[in-house]
């Protein structure tokens, strides 16, 4: 299929199945965390990395705890890393308006607040505060919700995920609420921890059981040896001793970065002839996953399967997915003969680019 035929999708001539960008495999063999990782490396890619809570990982039918790829580094100060609760958002220390001398991580202060004067503070995650939720489905400015019912940081995150999308996350979201008045220190979706993924992913997604360590808290006495994460059949995560033998979940890539410079149309044809399609991004988790691939590109941008149609006047994914989740840099105005590309560095936002420009690109394999 040539790229000019893509408009036929919008006329119902073609239909496409949703492509999962990564695939999970539940392995019902009891192994330690290290043994499980070795098995996944040999047969798939690695122990499962989790990018958000909308994935097929939780559809896995099992009644036992199963290893995933999250494990804990030592709690030394230099290993604490700040993350945003919402996947796909990257923390930038240079853009962060911390109070003077903060973050200082005194007294296990590993969760962040916005203060009455709009600067940020850090507090123990177990303290109760008001909080701000973000709802991706609502239009500006009604997508931000200040909740004055004080909760711990973990309780606030759970509430926001159940009733909205997540705690407010990312520098651009915080800029949108500059005029929002807060009467006291208020939780935002920024936390620090020492957990890392076996496959080296930057995924900031955490889904701990309520009351478990993980939201920047140090392991309490009696749990210091439990430095690996397990998936429970509830979909939540718990701590376990890494030497315990359990089933486990592996994952493998279903996308590939093509390090050849092509126009958007050439990239589309290449993906469809050799794999399946140009990649589509429909959630913050998929954004996180694709931007990690984009960092390895040899060009400043990588083509996505994002296209503008002059005929109907809107942007669409060539996989026939609706553009609901968005990561534009503000350039998504009407433009014929333009397609969408992600920047390799910076905030990994989406930019409209003329079709004839030549970039690396990302194909899906399903």
Protein backbone atom coordinates (compact mmCIF):
# COMPACT_ATOMS: atom_id res chain seq x y z
CA UNK A 1 0.00 0.00 0.00
CA UNK A 2 1.38 3.42 -0.93
CA UNK A 3 1.16 6.26 1.59
CA UNK A 4 -1.24 8.29 -0.55
CA UNK A 5 -3.83 5.58 0.02
CA UNK A 6 -3.91 6.30 3.74
CA UNK A 7 -6.89 8.61 3.33
CA UNK A 8 -8.92 5.59 2.27
CA UNK A 9 -8.80 4.49 5.87
CA UNK A 10 -11.03 7.40 6.74
CA UNK A 11 -13.51 6.30 4.11
CA UNK A 12 -13.85 2.84 5.57
CA UNK A 13 -11.88 0.99 2.91
CA UNK A 14 -9.49 -0.52 5.43
CA UNK A 15 -9.67 -1.47 9.09
CA UNK A 16 -6.82 -2.24 11.44
CA UNK A 17 -6.49 -4.25 14.63
CA UNK A 18 -5.06 -2.48 17.67
CA UNK A 19 -1.36 -3.29 17.97
CA UNK A 20 0.16 -3.79 21.41
CA UNK A 21 3.59 -2.20 21.49
CA UNK A 22 4.89 -4.83 23.91
CA UNK A 23 3.69 -8.32 24.77
CA UNK A 24 3.67 -10.06 28.16
CA UNK A 25 4.29 -13.75 28.82
CA UNK A 26 3.34 -15.35 32.13
CA UNK A 27 5.76 -18.19 32.96
CA UNK A 28 4.48 -20.68 35.53
CA UNK A 29 7.85 -21.90 36.73
CA UNK A 30 9.12 -21.12 40.21
CA UNK A 31 12.41 -19.23 40.12
CA UNK A 32 14.22 -16.58 42.10
CA UNK A 33 14.11 -13.04 40.72
CA UNK A 34 17.63 -13.39 39.24
CA UNK A 35 16.84 -16.78 37.69
CA UNK A 36 13.59 -15.40 36.27
CA UNK A 37 15.43 -12.50 34.67
CA UNK A 38 17.93 -14.90 33.07
CA UNK A 39 15.06 -16.97 31.64
CA UNK A 40 13.35 -13.86 30.21
CA UNK A 41 16.64 -12.66 28.68
CA UNK A 42 17.09 -16.00 26.94
CA UNK A 43 13.51 -16.54 25.72
CA UNK A 44 11.98 -13.06 25.37
CA UNK A 45 13.54 -9.70 26.26
CA UNK A 46 13.53 -9.23 30.03
CA UNK A 47 11.36 -9.37 33.13
CA UNK A 48 8.26 -7.26 32.60
CA UNK A 49 8.54 -3.50 32.55
CA UNK A 50 5.20 -1.84 33.29
CA UNK A 51 4.36 1.50 31.69
CA UNK A 52 0.80 2.17 32.93
CA UNK A 53 -2.25 0.48 34.41
CA UNK A 54 -4.16 0.03 31.14
CA UNK A 55 -2.09 -2.89 29.91
CA UNK A 56 -2.66 -6.57 29.26
CA UNK A 57 -0.35 -7.43 32.14
CA UNK A 58 -3.33 -7.39 34.49
CA UNK A 59 -5.35 -9.67 32.25
CA UNK A 60 -2.86 -12.44 32.96
CA UNK A 61 -4.71 -15.21 34.75
CA UNK A 62 -2.79 -16.31 37.80
CA UNK A 63 -3.52 -16.74 41.48
CA UNK A 64 0.07 -16.56 42.70
CA UNK A 65 2.44 -13.67 43.14
CA UNK A 66 4.65 -13.28 40.08
CA UNK A 67 7.94 -11.44 39.63
CA UNK A 68 8.07 -8.30 37.49
CA UNK A 69 11.22 -6.44 36.54
CA UNK A 70 11.26 -3.81 39.30
CA UNK A 71 13.94 -4.08 41.97
CA UNK A 72 15.43 -1.78 44.56
CA UNK A 73 18.90 -0.24 44.60
CA UNK A 74 20.51 0.57 47.92
CA UNK A 75 18.95 3.45 49.80
CA UNK A 76 22.06 5.57 49.56
CA UNK A 77 21.30 9.26 48.97
CA UNK A 78 22.82 9.36 45.48
CA UNK A 79 20.43 6.62 44.25
CA UNK A 80 17.23 8.56 44.93
CA UNK A 81 15.68 9.72 41.64
CA UNK A 82 12.72 12.06 41.13
CA UNK A 83 9.87 10.86 38.91
CA UNK A 84 6.46 12.10 37.82
CA UNK A 85 3.49 9.90 38.68
CA UNK A 86 2.00 10.18 35.17
CA UNK A 87 3.99 8.09 32.66
CA UNK A 88 5.57 9.94 29.75
CA UNK A 89 6.50 13.03 31.77
CA UNK A 90 10.18 13.65 32.46
CA UNK A 91 11.57 15.48 35.48
CA UNK A 92 13.84 18.42 34.65
CA UNK A 93 15.72 19.81 37.64
CA UNK A 94 16.54 23.03 35.78
CA UNK A 95 12.84 23.81 35.27
CA UNK A 96 11.81 22.93 38.82
CA UNK A 97 11.01 25.91 41.10
CA UNK A 98 12.06 24.32 44.39
CA UNK A 99 12.19 26.33 47.59
CA UNK A 100 15.76 27.42 48.43
CA UNK A 101 17.70 24.45 49.83
CA UNK A 102 15.19 21.87 48.61
CA UNK A 103 14.80 19.06 47.80
CA UNK A 104 16.90 18.08 50.80
CA UNK A 105 15.29 14.67 51.55
CA UNK A 106 15.52 15.27 55.28
CA UNK A 107 13.36 12.92 57.35
CA UNK A 108 12.48 10.81 54.27
CA UNK A 109 10.91 13.78 52.47
CA UNK A 110 10.44 12.03 49.14
CA UNK A 111 7.17 13.52 47.84
CA UNK A 112 6.67 17.02 46.43
CA UNK A 113 4.18 19.80 47.13
CA UNK A 114 3.28 23.09 45.54
CA UNK A 115 3.28 25.92 48.07
CA UNK A 116 1.11 29.03 48.40
CA UNK A 117 3.81 31.10 46.67
CA UNK A 118 3.93 28.59 43.74
CA UNK A 119 7.34 27.18 44.59
CA UNK A 120 7.84 23.49 45.41
CA UNK A 121 8.62 21.81 48.70
CA UNK A 122 9.32 18.22 49.70
CA UNK A 123 7.59 16.41 52.56
CA UNK A 124 7.33 12.89 54.02
CA UNK A 125 4.93 10.97 51.80
CA UNK A 126 2.93 9.77 54.79
CA UNK A 127 1.82 13.27 55.77
CA UNK A 128 -1.67 14.31 54.71
CA UNK A 129 -2.16 17.19 52.29
CA UNK A 130 -4.73 18.51 49.80
CA UNK A 131 -3.86 17.52 46.25
CA UNK A 132 -4.41 18.33 42.57
CA UNK A 133 -5.69 15.73 40.09
CA UNK A 134 -5.32 15.80 36.31
CA UNK A 135 -8.03 14.48 33.97
CA UNK A 136 -6.78 13.95 30.41
CA UNK A 137 -10.32 13.62 29.00
CA UNK A 138 -11.46 17.07 30.07
CA UNK A 139 -10.74 20.22 28.03
CA UNK A 140 -8.68 23.09 29.38
CA UNK A 141 -8.96 24.51 32.00
CA UNK A 142 -11.39 22.06 33.63
CA UNK A 143 -8.96 19.14 33.49
CA UNK A 144 -7.35 20.09 36.83
CA UNK A 145 -9.13 19.42 40.12
CA UNK A 146 -8.06 20.75 43.51
CA UNK A 147 -9.20 18.39 46.28
CA UNK A 148 -9.05 19.87 49.78
CA UNK A 149 -9.70 16.55 51.54
CA UNK A 150 -6.23 15.82 53.02
CA UNK A 151 -4.68 12.47 52.09
CA UNK A 152 -1.24 10.90 52.12
CA UNK A 153 0.60 11.12 48.80
CA UNK A 154 -0.17 7.47 48.00
CA UNK A 155 -3.85 7.89 48.90
CA UNK A 156 -4.02 11.02 46.74
CA UNK A 157 -2.47 9.17 43.80
CA UNK A 158 -4.95 6.31 44.17
CA UNK A 159 -7.88 8.73 44.33
CA UNK A 160 -6.74 10.63 41.23
CA UNK A 161 -6.21 7.41 39.25
CA UNK A 162 -9.64 6.08 40.21
CA UNK A 163 -11.59 9.29 39.57
CA UNK A 164 -9.50 11.16 36.99
CA UNK A 165 -6.21 10.25 35.27
CA UNK A 166 -3.43 10.85 37.81
CA UNK A 167 -1.91 13.41 40.14
CA UNK A 168 -0.92 16.57 38.26
CA UNK A 169 2.40 15.78 36.60
CA UNK A 170 4.96 17.48 34.39
CA UNK A 171 6.24 21.01 34.08
CA UNK A 172 3.75 22.00 31.37
CA UNK A 173 0.77 20.92 33.50
CA UNK A 174 2.07 22.86 36.50
CA UNK A 175 2.41 25.97 34.33
CA UNK A 176 -1.27 25.65 33.40
CA UNK A 177 -2.33 26.02 37.04
CA UNK A 178 -0.21 29.06 37.88
CA UNK A 179 -3.39 30.99 38.67
CA UNK A 180 -4.80 28.25 40.90
CA UNK A 181 -4.82 29.40 44.53
CA UNK A 182 -3.74 26.86 47.13
CA UNK A 183 -4.20 27.67 50.82
CA UNK A 184 -1.51 25.31 52.08
CA UNK A 185 1.12 22.83 50.90
CA UNK A 186 -0.59 20.68 48.26
CA UNK A 187 0.57 17.37 46.77
CA UNK A 188 1.66 17.22 43.14
CA UNK A 189 2.63 14.04 41.25
CA UNK A 190 6.36 14.19 41.94
CA UNK A 191 8.11 11.55 44.05
CA UNK A 192 11.55 10.05 44.47
CA UNK A 193 12.57 6.43 44.98
CA UNK A 194 15.45 4.00 44.45
CA UNK A 195 13.58 1.44 42.34
CA UNK A 196 14.75 0.56 38.84
CA UNK A 197 13.65 -1.74 36.00
CA UNK A 198 15.62 -4.81 34.97
CA UNK A 199 15.52 -3.79 31.29
CA UNK A 200 16.87 -0.32 32.06
CA UNK A 201 13.60 1.48 31.32
CA UNK A 202 12.90 4.96 32.67
CA UNK A 203 9.26 4.06 33.38
CA UNK A 204 8.05 5.98 36.42
CA UNK A 205 4.84 3.98 36.80
CA UNK A 206 4.35 2.48 40.28
CA UNK A 207 1.30 0.54 41.47
CA UNK A 208 2.06 -0.47 45.05
CA UNK A 209 -0.51 -1.89 47.40
CA UNK A 210 -1.91 0.72 49.75
CA UNK A 211 0.39 1.17 52.72
CA UNK A 212 3.36 -0.59 51.14
CA UNK A 213 6.72 1.14 50.75
CA UNK A 214 7.44 2.49 47.31
CA UNK A 215 6.24 6.07 47.19
CA UNK A 216 9.63 7.38 48.18
CA UNK A 217 9.52 5.73 51.59
CA UNK A 218 12.37 3.71 53.04
CA UNK A 219 11.65 0.04 53.68
CA UNK A 220 10.56 -0.35 57.32
CA UNK A 221 12.29 -2.75 59.67
CA UNK A 222 11.63 -6.36 58.69
CA UNK A 223 11.22 -5.53 55.01
CA UNK A 224 14.76 -4.43 54.20
CA UNK A 225 15.54 -7.71 52.44
CA UNK A 226 12.43 -7.48 50.28
CA UNK A 227 13.93 -5.59 47.38
CA UNK A 228 12.09 -7.10 44.40
CA UNK A 229 8.53 -6.43 43.25
CA UNK A 230 5.81 -8.99 42.61
CA UNK A 231 2.52 -8.65 40.77
CA UNK A 232 -0.52 -9.78 42.75
CA UNK A 233 -3.71 -11.02 41.11
CA UNK A 234 -5.34 -7.74 42.13
CA UNK A 235 -2.99 -5.96 39.72
CA UNK A 236 -1.23 -4.22 42.62
CA UNK A 237 2.42 -4.75 43.50
CA UNK A 238 4.02 -5.98 46.71
CA UNK A 239 7.53 -6.49 48.05
CA UNK A 240 9.23 -9.88 48.27
CA UNK A 241 12.60 -11.39 49.08
CA UNK A 242 14.44 -11.69 45.74
CA UNK A 243 15.67 -15.19 46.60
CA UNK A 244 12.12 -16.56 46.95
CA UNK A 245 10.99 -18.80 44.10
CA UNK A 246 7.89 -17.61 42.24
CA UNK A 247 6.34 -17.57 38.76
CA UNK A 248 7.19 -14.49 36.70
CA UNK A 249 6.17 -12.26 33.80
CA UNK A 250 8.45 -11.61 30.81
CA UNK A 251 7.94 -9.10 28.04
CA UNK A 252 9.15 -8.53 24.51
CA UNK A 253 9.21 -5.59 22.09
CA UNK A 254 6.68 -5.25 19.32
CA UNK A 255 8.27 -2.12 17.84
CA UNK A 256 11.57 -1.45 16.12
CA UNK A 257 13.54 1.74 15.48
CA UNK A 258 14.69 1.94 11.85
CA UNK A 259 17.89 3.96 11.63
CA UNK A 260 17.46 4.96 8.01
CA UNK A 261 16.57 8.46 6.83
CA UNK A 262 13.30 8.49 4.89
CA UNK A 263 10.43 10.81 4.13
CA UNK A 264 7.17 10.11 5.96
CA UNK A 265 5.68 8.36 2.93
CA UNK A 266 8.78 6.23 2.41
CA UNK A 267 8.79 5.32 6.10
CA UNK A 268 5.13 4.28 5.95
CA UNK A 269 5.72 2.09 2.90
CA UNK A 270 8.83 0.54 4.50
CA UNK A 271 6.99 -0.36 7.72
CA UNK A 272 4.04 -1.88 5.86
CA UNK A 273 6.24 -3.87 3.51
CA UNK A 274 8.65 -5.19 6.16
CA UNK A 275 6.76 -5.12 9.48
CA UNK A 276 3.22 -3.88 10.08
CA UNK A 277 2.82 -0.09 10.33
CA UNK A 278 4.26 3.17 11.61
CA UNK A 279 3.81 3.41 15.37
CA UNK A 280 0.74 4.96 17.02
CA UNK A 281 0.68 6.33 20.58
CA UNK A 282 -2.60 6.19 22.47
CA UNK A 283 -1.64 6.47 26.18
CA UNK A 284 0.98 8.01 28.49
CA UNK A 285 2.50 4.54 28.94
CA UNK A 286 2.96 4.07 25.20
CA UNK A 287 4.46 7.56 25.01
CA UNK A 288 7.02 6.58 27.66
CA UNK A 289 7.85 3.39 25.80
CA UNK A 290 8.22 5.01 22.36
CA UNK A 291 10.27 7.94 23.62
CA UNK A 292 12.81 5.52 25.07
CA UNK A 293 13.18 4.04 21.58
CA UNK A 294 13.42 7.52 20.05
CA UNK A 295 16.43 8.37 22.22
CA UNK A 296 18.50 5.90 20.19
CA UNK A 297 17.72 7.58 16.84
CA UNK A 298 20.38 9.09 14.59
CA UNK A 299 18.17 12.04 13.58
CA UNK A 300 16.76 14.85 15.77
CA UNK A 301 13.20 13.57 15.15
CA UNK A 302 11.57 10.22 14.41
CA UNK A 303 8.46 9.78 12.28
CA UNK A 304 5.28 8.53 13.93
CA UNK A 305 2.13 7.23 12.26
CA UNK A 306 0.48 10.61 12.79
CA UNK A 307 -0.98 12.39 9.76
CA UNK A 308 -3.04 15.49 8.99
CA UNK A 309 -5.86 15.22 6.45
CA UNK A 310 -6.81 18.39 4.60
CA UNK A 311 -9.93 16.65 3.28
CA UNK A 312 -11.52 16.30 6.72
CA UNK A 313 -9.40 18.80 8.65
CA UNK A 314 -7.95 16.85 11.58
CA UNK A 315 -4.99 14.79 12.76
CA UNK A 316 -5.33 11.00 12.91
CA UNK A 317 -3.31 7.86 13.54
CA UNK A 318 -2.91 5.71 10.45
CA UNK A 319 -3.74 2.67 12.59
CA UNK A 320 -7.27 4.13 12.73
CA UNK A 321 -6.87 5.14 16.40
CA UNK A 322 -8.43 8.41 17.56
CA UNK A 323 -5.95 11.07 18.71
CA UNK A 324 -7.13 11.32 22.33
CA UNK A 325 -3.83 11.23 24.22
CA UNK A 326 -1.67 14.13 22.99
CA UNK A 327 1.92 15.27 23.48
CA UNK A 328 2.09 18.20 21.05
CA UNK A 329 4.60 21.00 21.45
CA UNK A 330 1.89 23.46 20.38
CA UNK A 331 2.47 23.03 16.63
CA UNK A 332 -0.59 20.91 15.78
CA UNK A 333 -2.28 23.67 13.75
CA UNK A 334 -3.83 22.80 10.38
CA UNK A 335 -1.13 21.97 7.84
CA UNK A 336 -1.57 20.06 4.60
CA UNK A 337 1.25 17.70 3.59
CA UNK A 338 2.52 17.50 7.17
CA UNK A 339 2.90 14.52 9.48
CA UNK A 340 3.83 14.00 13.11
CA UNK A 341 7.34 13.37 14.47
CA UNK A 342 8.72 12.98 18.02
CA UNK A 343 11.83 14.84 19.08
CA UNK A 344 14.67 12.56 20.10
CA UNK A 345 15.77 14.69 23.05
CA UNK A 346 14.20 17.26 25.35
CA UNK A 347 10.61 16.51 26.33
CA UNK A 348 9.95 14.06 23.46
CA UNK A 349 7.00 16.11 22.26
CA UNK A 350 5.25 15.77 18.92
CA UNK A 351 6.00 18.21 16.11
CA UNK A 352 4.36 18.68 12.73
CA UNK A 353 6.95 18.30 9.97
CA UNK A 354 6.73 18.53 6.16
CA UNK A 355 6.33 15.05 4.66
CA UNK A 356 9.45 15.30 2.50
CA UNK A 357 11.84 15.73 5.46
CA UNK A 358 13.93 12.64 6.13
CA UNK A 359 14.13 11.09 9.61
CA UNK A 360 14.54 7.75 11.32
CA UNK A 361 11.21 6.13 12.19
CA UNK A 362 9.57 3.51 14.41
CA UNK A 363 7.62 0.53 13.05
CA UNK A 364 5.25 -1.80 14.86
CA UNK A 365 5.68 -5.55 14.33
CA UNK A 366 2.07 -6.70 14.76
